[in-house]
Protein backbone atom coordinates (compact mmCIF):
# COMPACT_ATOMS: atom_id res chain seq x y z
CA MET A 1 -0.85 12.94 74.66
CA ASN A 2 -2.41 11.04 77.57
CA THR A 3 -5.91 12.38 77.41
CA ALA A 4 -8.55 12.50 74.70
CA GLN A 5 -8.97 15.77 72.74
CA SER A 6 -11.98 17.14 70.87
CA CYS A 7 -12.50 20.34 69.01
CA ASP A 8 -15.07 22.01 66.82
CA PHE A 9 -13.94 22.24 63.15
CA LYS A 10 -16.38 25.06 62.51
CA ALA A 11 -17.19 23.95 59.05
CA HIS A 12 -19.58 26.06 57.07
CA ARG A 13 -22.19 26.28 59.88
CA PRO A 14 -25.05 25.05 57.69
CA ARG A 15 -27.62 26.24 60.30
CA ARG A 16 -26.82 29.80 59.13
CA ASN A 17 -28.49 29.01 55.77
CA LEU A 18 -31.83 28.39 57.43
CA PRO A 19 -34.59 30.86 58.26
CA ALA A 20 -34.19 32.70 61.55
CA GLY A 21 -37.03 30.74 63.33
CA VAL A 22 -35.65 27.33 62.39
CA SER A 23 -31.97 28.08 62.86
CA ARG A 24 -32.49 28.91 66.52
CA LYS A 25 -33.74 25.42 67.21
CA ARG A 26 -30.77 23.51 68.56
CA GLY A 27 -32.09 20.07 69.10
CA GLU A 28 -29.79 18.25 66.79
CA SER A 29 -26.72 20.38 67.86
CA ASN A 30 -27.40 19.63 71.51
CA PHE A 31 -27.82 15.89 70.64
CA VAL A 32 -24.46 15.87 68.80
CA SER A 33 -22.77 17.61 71.79
CA ALA A 34 -24.17 15.25 74.35
CA PHE A 35 -23.26 12.23 72.28
CA SER A 36 -19.67 13.37 71.70
CA LYS A 37 -19.10 13.88 75.41
CA ALA A 38 -20.55 10.49 76.28
CA TYR A 39 -18.63 8.77 73.48
CA ILE A 40 -15.33 10.37 74.41
CA ALA A 41 -15.88 9.19 78.09
CA THR A 42 -16.15 5.54 76.85
CA VAL A 43 -13.34 5.27 74.34
CA GLY A 44 -10.29 5.98 76.52
CA PRO A 45 -7.45 8.54 76.18
CA HIS A 46 -5.96 7.69 72.93
CA GLY A 47 -7.89 9.74 70.35
CA ILE A 48 -8.70 13.09 68.91
CA GLY A 49 -11.82 14.33 67.22
CA GLY A 50 -14.33 17.02 66.84
CA SER A 51 -17.67 18.15 65.47
CA GLU A 52 -18.69 19.43 62.01
CA PHE A 53 -15.90 17.87 60.12
CA ALA A 54 -16.09 18.74 56.51
CA ILE A 55 -14.31 16.99 53.56
CA SER A 56 -15.07 18.53 50.19
CA ASN A 57 -17.41 16.32 48.09
CA PHE A 58 -18.00 13.93 51.02
CA GLY A 59 -20.17 16.03 53.29
CA ILE A 60 -19.88 17.42 56.84
CA ALA A 61 -19.84 14.65 59.55
CA ASP A 62 -21.48 15.70 62.77
CA PHE A 63 -18.59 14.13 64.76
CA VAL A 64 -15.35 12.37 63.96
CA TRP A 65 -13.05 10.39 66.17
CA LEU A 66 -9.47 9.29 65.37
CA HIS A 67 -8.53 6.47 67.60
CA TRP A 68 -5.13 4.76 67.87
CA GLN A 69 -3.40 2.14 69.97
CA ARG A 70 -0.48 3.71 71.53
CA ASP A 71 2.44 1.56 72.60
CA ASP A 72 5.14 4.10 72.80
CA GLN A 73 5.59 5.93 76.16
CA ASP A 74 8.71 7.86 75.08
CA GLY A 75 7.20 11.17 76.15
CA THR A 76 7.77 12.95 72.87
CA ALA A 77 5.17 15.33 71.59
CA LEU A 78 2.30 14.03 69.55
CA SER A 79 2.32 15.17 65.92
CA ILE A 80 0.30 14.31 62.87
CA GLU A 81 3.44 12.84 61.29
CA LYS A 82 3.73 10.50 64.21
CA ILE A 83 0.07 9.55 63.97
CA LYS A 84 0.35 9.05 60.24
CA SER A 85 3.35 6.74 60.67
CA GLN A 86 1.02 4.39 62.44
CA LEU A 87 -1.66 4.49 59.78
CA ALA A 88 -2.25 0.74 59.90
CA ARG A 89 -3.25 1.20 63.58
CA LEU A 90 -5.44 4.23 63.16
CA LYS A 91 -9.21 4.06 63.08
CA LEU A 92 -11.23 7.10 61.88
CA THR A 93 -14.84 6.95 62.74
CA ALA A 94 -17.43 9.36 61.29
CA PHE A 95 -20.82 9.85 62.90
CA GLU A 96 -23.99 11.29 61.48
CA MET A 97 -26.66 12.26 64.05
CA LYS A 98 -30.33 12.60 63.26
CA LEU A 99 -33.29 13.17 65.51
CA SER A 100 -35.79 11.45 63.21
CA ASP A 101 -34.87 11.04 59.56
CA TRP A 102 -32.73 7.94 59.57
CA ARG A 103 -32.88 7.56 55.85
CA LYS A 104 -31.14 10.89 55.28
CA GLY A 105 -28.66 10.07 58.06
CA LEU A 106 -27.83 6.68 56.34
CA ALA A 107 -27.27 8.46 52.99
CA GLN A 108 -24.95 11.01 54.54
CA ALA A 109 -23.02 8.40 56.63
CA TYR A 110 -22.50 6.19 53.53
CA ARG A 111 -20.52 9.12 51.96
CA TYR A 112 -18.36 9.24 55.01
CA GLY A 113 -17.13 5.82 54.19
CA TYR A 114 -14.98 7.39 51.49
CA PHE A 115 -12.65 8.93 54.06
CA SER A 116 -13.32 6.96 57.25
CA ASP A 117 -12.86 3.46 58.54
CA LEU A 118 -16.27 3.33 60.05
CA ALA A 119 -19.40 5.41 59.36
CA ILE A 120 -22.22 5.30 61.96
CA VAL A 121 -25.71 6.84 62.20
CA VAL A 122 -26.73 7.76 65.76
CA LEU A 123 -30.41 8.26 66.54
CA PRO A 124 -32.59 8.70 69.68
CA PRO A 125 -34.02 5.39 70.79
CA GLU A 126 -37.47 6.01 69.38
CA ALA A 127 -36.03 6.81 65.87
CA ALA A 128 -33.57 3.90 66.14
CA LYS A 129 -36.53 1.47 66.74
CA LEU A 130 -37.90 2.41 63.29
CA ALA A 131 -34.41 2.16 61.67
CA ARG A 132 -33.75 -1.30 63.10
CA ALA A 133 -36.55 -2.59 60.93
CA GLU A 134 -34.17 -1.87 58.01
CA LEU A 135 -31.06 -3.22 59.63
CA THR A 136 -30.30 -5.37 56.52
CA LEU A 137 -29.93 -2.11 54.53
CA PHE A 138 -27.38 -0.78 57.07
CA ARG A 139 -25.45 -4.08 56.87
CA LYS A 140 -25.43 -4.02 53.08
CA LEU A 141 -24.13 -0.43 53.08
CA SER A 142 -21.64 -1.15 55.92
CA VAL A 143 -22.93 1.73 57.95
CA GLY A 144 -23.49 1.39 61.66
CA LEU A 145 -26.64 2.03 63.57
CA TRP A 146 -26.44 3.25 67.19
CA SER A 147 -28.87 4.86 69.48
CA PHE A 148 -28.13 7.54 72.19
CA GLN A 149 -30.32 8.28 75.07
CA ARG A 150 -29.47 11.85 75.87
CA ALA A 151 -31.04 11.91 79.29
CA THR A 152 -28.98 8.98 80.58
CA GLY A 153 -25.95 9.26 78.37
CA ARG A 154 -26.45 5.58 77.23
CA ILE A 155 -25.03 4.58 73.89
CA ARG A 156 -26.43 1.35 72.37
CA ARG A 157 -24.70 -0.30 69.45
CA HIS A 158 -27.38 -1.98 67.33
CA PHE A 159 -24.99 -2.72 64.44
CA THR A 160 -21.33 -1.80 64.07
CA PRO A 161 -19.64 -2.88 60.71
CA ARG A 162 -16.06 -4.09 60.75
CA ALA A 163 -13.61 -1.30 60.27
CA SER A 164 -12.44 -1.30 56.60
CA LYS A 165 -10.25 0.85 54.40
CA PRO A 166 -11.93 4.06 53.22
CA ARG A 167 -13.11 3.93 49.67
CA ASN A 168 -10.86 6.82 48.62
CA ALA A 169 -7.27 6.86 50.03
CA LYS A 170 -6.78 10.51 48.98
CA ALA A 171 -9.84 11.59 50.91
CA ARG A 172 -8.51 9.72 53.98
CA GLU A 173 -5.11 11.55 53.67
CA LYS A 174 -7.07 14.85 53.29
CA ALA A 175 -9.07 13.96 56.45
CA LEU A 176 -5.93 13.20 58.47
CA ASP A 177 -4.29 16.50 57.32
CA LEU A 178 -7.42 18.45 58.39
CA LEU A 179 -7.49 16.83 61.76
CA GLY A 180 -3.79 17.68 62.25
CA ALA A 181 -4.18 21.28 61.18
CA ALA A 182 -7.23 21.87 63.21
CA LEU A 183 -5.69 20.40 66.34
CA LYS A 184 -2.32 22.04 65.63
CA LEU A 185 -0.44 18.87 65.99
CA GLY A 186 3.25 19.09 65.61
CA GLN A 187 3.43 22.83 66.24
C-alpha cells in the first residue's frame, strides 16, 4: 500500500440518540472530517485510519490513525497479519475532537489510552486557549492537546506525549483486529 487510507467505521452513530433539532447540527462532525483530511495530508502514505472507531468499554474515538514505518518494498499485498508482524513499529493514535468542552474530551481521550499508543484531544484554537491553562493535567494523564483551525487547515501541537504501550494489551489487539476487518486487509 503506497497511499494512506481512511474509512468510516460507522460505530453506533451516537447522534441518532439525540432530539431531531440537535442531531441535525453537524458542527463537530464537520470539524472531525476537516481535521482527518488535514492530518492525513501531513503524515505521509504509510497509515490507515478512520472515524467513529468503537472499542467496547473504551468509548468511540472520533478518529484513529495506525501509522507504520515501512521498509519492505517487495510489492506483496498489505494484510493485517503483515502489519501485526511489525507490532513494535506500529503507532496507533486515537483522537477526540470537541468544539468547546475540553474537560469532557480529556476524559474520553484518557480512556483511549487503554488501546492506543497516543491519545490526543483536538480543539478549535479558542477552546484550546482555555485548555492550555491546564496543560499540567494533560501532561499528568499523558493525553495530548492539539488545536485545529478549520478555515486554514492548520494543526498546532501544544503538547504531544511520548508514544507508550497501551494500558490493555487485549484492547490493543482488538483494535488492530477491528481496523483490519473494517479495511478488509488480507482479503
